[in-house]
Amino acid sequence: MKIKILGPGCRNCEKLEQETINALAELDVAADVEKVTDMDKIMEHDIMMTPGLVVNEKVKVFGRVPKREEIKKWIKEEM
């Protein structure tokens, strides 16, 4: 599983990364988690606001930090 955290490194981006790592740990799922800070690469995903969460190349959310349960649901969908 490949997960990307899209954002320039703002507080919400860091929070999304931590919540994603926690969700993976709770589910006991291994994944490559990549932080994408380059704006050109972020824009390739057609998101309008950061932070963004991409799981297996599918944008799951952008512009907010979702609750951990939402993140876990998206991870399960992509397993």
N, C-alpha and C. Protein backbone atom coordinates (compact mmCIF):
# COMPACT_ATOMS: atom_id res chain seq x y z
N MET A 1 0.85 -1.17 0.00
CA MET A 1 0.00 0.00 0.00
C MET A 1 0.89 1.23 0.00
N LYS A 2 0.51 2.22 -0.79
CA LYS A 2 1.27 3.46 -0.89
C LYS A 2 0.37 4.62 -0.47
N ILE A 3 0.85 5.39 0.48
CA ILE A 3 0.09 6.53 1.00
C ILE A 3 0.93 7.79 0.84
N LYS A 4 0.29 8.84 0.36
CA LYS A 4 0.97 10.13 0.22
C LYS A 4 0.24 11.16 1.07
N ILE A 5 1.03 11.95 1.80
CA ILE A 5 0.52 13.10 2.53
C ILE A 5 0.93 14.32 1.72
N LEU A 6 -0.04 15.05 1.21
CA LEU A 6 0.24 16.20 0.35
C LEU A 6 0.15 17.49 1.16
N GLY A 7 1.21 18.27 1.12
CA GLY A 7 1.18 19.56 1.80
C GLY A 7 2.57 20.12 2.00
N PRO A 8 2.65 21.44 2.20
CA PRO A 8 3.95 22.10 2.30
C PRO A 8 4.67 21.91 3.63
N GLY A 9 4.04 21.22 4.58
CA GLY A 9 4.68 21.02 5.88
C GLY A 9 4.01 21.83 6.98
N CYS A 10 2.81 22.26 6.74
CA CYS A 10 2.06 23.05 7.73
C CYS A 10 1.66 22.16 8.91
N ARG A 11 1.14 22.78 9.94
CA ARG A 11 0.72 22.05 11.15
C ARG A 11 -0.32 20.98 10.82
N ASN A 12 -1.30 21.31 9.98
CA ASN A 12 -2.33 20.33 9.62
C ASN A 12 -1.75 19.18 8.81
N CYS A 13 -0.75 19.46 7.99
CA CYS A 13 -0.10 18.41 7.21
C CYS A 13 0.59 17.43 8.15
N GLU A 14 1.26 17.96 9.15
CA GLU A 14 1.95 17.12 10.12
C GLU A 14 0.94 16.32 10.94
N LYS A 15 -0.18 16.94 11.28
CA LYS A 15 -1.21 16.23 12.04
C LYS A 15 -1.80 15.09 11.21
N LEU A 16 -2.04 15.35 9.92
CA LEU A 16 -2.57 14.31 9.04
C LEU A 16 -1.58 13.15 8.92
N GLU A 17 -0.30 13.46 8.81
CA GLU A 17 0.71 12.41 8.74
C GLU A 17 0.68 11.56 10.01
N GLN A 18 0.64 12.20 11.17
CA GLN A 18 0.64 11.46 12.43
C GLN A 18 -0.61 10.62 12.59
N GLU A 19 -1.77 11.16 12.24
CA GLU A 19 -3.01 10.39 12.34
C GLU A 19 -3.00 9.19 11.39
N THR A 20 -2.41 9.37 10.22
CA THR A 20 -2.31 8.27 9.26
C THR A 20 -1.40 7.17 9.80
N ILE A 21 -0.27 7.56 10.36
CA ILE A 21 0.65 6.58 10.95
C ILE A 21 -0.02 5.85 12.11
N ASN A 22 -0.75 6.58 12.93
CA ASN A 22 -1.46 5.95 14.04
C ASN A 22 -2.53 4.98 13.54
N ALA A 23 -3.25 5.37 12.49
CA ALA A 23 -4.29 4.50 11.93
C ALA A 23 -3.67 3.21 11.39
N LEU A 24 -2.54 3.33 10.69
CA LEU A 24 -1.85 2.15 10.18
C LEU A 24 -1.41 1.23 11.32
N ALA A 25 -0.90 1.83 12.40
CA ALA A 25 -0.45 1.04 13.55
C ALA A 25 -1.63 0.31 14.19
N GLU A 26 -2.75 1.01 14.35
CA GLU A 26 -3.93 0.39 14.96
C GLU A 26 -4.46 -0.77 14.12
N LEU A 27 -4.35 -0.63 12.80
CA LEU A 27 -4.81 -1.69 11.90
C LEU A 27 -3.75 -2.77 11.67
N ASP A 28 -2.54 -2.50 12.14
CA ASP A 28 -1.41 -3.39 11.91
C ASP A 28 -1.20 -3.63 10.41
N VAL A 29 -1.16 -2.53 9.67
CA VAL A 29 -0.99 -2.57 8.22
C VAL A 29 0.32 -1.87 7.87
N ALA A 30 1.09 -2.50 7.01
CA ALA A 30 2.33 -1.89 6.52
C ALA A 30 2.04 -1.08 5.27
N ALA A 31 2.66 0.09 5.18
CA ALA A 31 2.47 0.94 4.01
C ALA A 31 3.67 1.86 3.84
N ASP A 32 3.92 2.25 2.61
CA ASP A 32 4.90 3.29 2.32
C ASP A 32 4.19 4.62 2.50
N VAL A 33 4.65 5.43 3.45
CA VAL A 33 4.05 6.74 3.67
C VAL A 33 5.05 7.78 3.18
N GLU A 34 4.62 8.56 2.21
CA GLU A 34 5.49 9.56 1.58
C GLU A 34 4.91 10.95 1.81
N LYS A 35 5.77 11.87 2.27
CA LYS A 35 5.36 13.26 2.38
C LYS A 35 5.70 13.95 1.06
N VAL A 36 4.71 14.59 0.46
CA VAL A 36 4.93 15.31 -0.80
C VAL A 36 4.78 16.79 -0.51
N THR A 37 5.89 17.52 -0.61
CA THR A 37 5.87 18.95 -0.30
C THR A 37 6.04 19.83 -1.54
N ASP A 38 6.46 19.24 -2.65
CA ASP A 38 6.66 19.98 -3.90
C ASP A 38 5.30 20.34 -4.48
N MET A 39 5.04 21.64 -4.63
CA MET A 39 3.71 22.10 -5.09
C MET A 39 3.36 21.56 -6.47
N ASP A 40 4.32 21.41 -7.36
CA ASP A 40 4.03 20.85 -8.68
C ASP A 40 3.53 19.41 -8.56
N LYS A 41 4.15 18.64 -7.68
CA LYS A 41 3.73 17.25 -7.47
C LYS A 41 2.36 17.19 -6.78
N ILE A 42 2.13 18.12 -5.86
CA ILE A 42 0.83 18.18 -5.18
C ILE A 42 -0.28 18.48 -6.19
N MET A 43 -0.02 19.42 -7.08
CA MET A 43 -1.03 19.82 -8.06
C MET A 43 -1.34 18.71 -9.08
N GLU A 44 -0.44 17.75 -9.24
CA GLU A 44 -0.70 16.61 -10.12
C GLU A 44 -1.92 15.81 -9.66
N HIS A 45 -2.27 15.96 -8.39
CA HIS A 45 -3.40 15.21 -7.82
C HIS A 45 -4.71 16.01 -7.86
N ASP A 46 -4.68 17.19 -8.48
CA ASP A 46 -5.89 18.02 -8.65
C ASP A 46 -6.60 18.31 -7.33
N ILE A 47 -5.85 18.65 -6.30
CA ILE A 47 -6.49 19.07 -5.06
C ILE A 47 -6.44 20.59 -4.98
N MET A 48 -7.43 21.16 -4.32
CA MET A 48 -7.53 22.62 -4.25
C MET A 48 -6.92 23.19 -2.98
N MET A 49 -6.86 22.38 -1.93
CA MET A 49 -6.32 22.83 -0.65
C MET A 49 -5.52 21.70 -0.02
N THR A 50 -4.55 22.07 0.80
CA THR A 50 -3.82 21.07 1.56
C THR A 50 -4.32 21.09 2.99
N PRO A 51 -4.13 20.07 3.76
CA PRO A 51 -3.42 18.85 3.41
C PRO A 51 -4.28 17.92 2.57
N GLY A 52 -3.63 16.96 1.94
CA GLY A 52 -4.33 15.96 1.15
C GLY A 52 -3.83 14.58 1.50
N LEU A 53 -4.72 13.60 1.37
CA LEU A 53 -4.37 12.21 1.64
C LEU A 53 -4.68 11.39 0.40
N VAL A 54 -3.65 10.69 -0.10
CA VAL A 54 -3.79 9.84 -1.28
C VAL A 54 -3.42 8.42 -0.87
N VAL A 55 -4.34 7.49 -1.12
CA VAL A 55 -4.10 6.09 -0.81
C VAL A 55 -4.17 5.30 -2.12
N ASN A 56 -3.06 4.63 -2.44
CA ASN A 56 -2.97 3.87 -3.70
C ASN A 56 -3.39 4.72 -4.90
N GLU A 57 -2.87 5.94 -4.95
CA GLU A 57 -3.09 6.89 -6.05
C GLU A 57 -4.53 7.39 -6.14
N LYS A 58 -5.34 7.21 -5.11
CA LYS A 58 -6.70 7.75 -5.08
C LYS A 58 -6.78 8.82 -4.01
N VAL A 59 -7.20 10.03 -4.40
CA VAL A 59 -7.36 11.11 -3.43
C VAL A 59 -8.55 10.78 -2.55
N LYS A 60 -8.31 10.71 -1.25
CA LYS A 60 -9.37 10.38 -0.29
C LYS A 60 -9.94 11.63 0.37
N VAL A 61 -9.10 12.63 0.59
CA VAL A 61 -9.56 13.85 1.24
C VAL A 61 -8.54 14.96 1.00
N PHE A 62 -9.02 16.19 0.99
CA PHE A 62 -8.11 17.33 0.96
C PHE A 62 -8.77 18.51 1.65
N GLY A 63 -7.94 19.42 2.14
CA GLY A 63 -8.45 20.65 2.77
C GLY A 63 -8.84 20.52 4.23
N ARG A 64 -8.67 19.33 4.80
CA ARG A 64 -9.00 19.15 6.22
C ARG A 64 -8.25 17.92 6.75
N VAL A 65 -8.20 17.82 8.07
CA VAL A 65 -7.62 16.65 8.71
C VAL A 65 -8.77 15.76 9.14
N PRO A 66 -8.91 14.61 8.51
CA PRO A 66 -10.02 13.72 8.87
C PRO A 66 -9.75 13.03 10.20
N LYS A 67 -10.80 12.51 10.79
CA LYS A 67 -10.67 11.74 12.02
C LYS A 67 -9.97 10.42 11.69
N ARG A 68 -9.31 9.86 12.69
CA ARG A 68 -8.57 8.62 12.50
C ARG A 68 -9.46 7.50 11.98
N GLU A 69 -10.71 7.44 12.45
CA GLU A 69 -11.62 6.39 12.00
C GLU A 69 -11.89 6.48 10.50
N GLU A 70 -11.97 7.71 9.97
CA GLU A 70 -12.14 7.88 8.52
C GLU A 70 -10.92 7.35 7.78
N ILE A 71 -9.75 7.68 8.29
CA ILE A 71 -8.52 7.23 7.65
C ILE A 71 -8.46 5.71 7.65
N LYS A 72 -8.83 5.11 8.77
CA LYS A 72 -8.82 3.64 8.87
C LYS A 72 -9.80 3.03 7.86
N LYS A 73 -10.95 3.66 7.69
CA LYS A 73 -11.94 3.16 6.72
C LYS A 73 -11.35 3.18 5.31
N TRP A 74 -10.69 4.27 4.93
CA TRP A 74 -10.09 4.38 3.60
C TRP A 74 -8.98 3.36 3.39
N ILE A 75 -8.19 3.14 4.43
CA ILE A 75 -7.12 2.14 4.34
C ILE A 75 -7.72 0.76 4.11
N LYS A 76 -8.75 0.44 4.87
CA LYS A 76 -9.41 -0.87 4.72
C LYS A 76 -9.99 -1.03 3.31
N GLU A 77 -10.56 0.05 2.78
CA GLU A 77 -11.13 -0.02 1.41
C GLU A 77 -10.07 -0.37 0.38
N GLU A 78 -8.84 0.05 0.62
CA GLU A 78 -7.78 -0.13 -0.37
C GLU A 78 -6.95 -1.39 -0.13
N MET A 79 -7.28 -2.16 0.90
CA MET A 79 -6.53 -3.40 1.19
C MET A 79 -6.95 -4.50 0.24
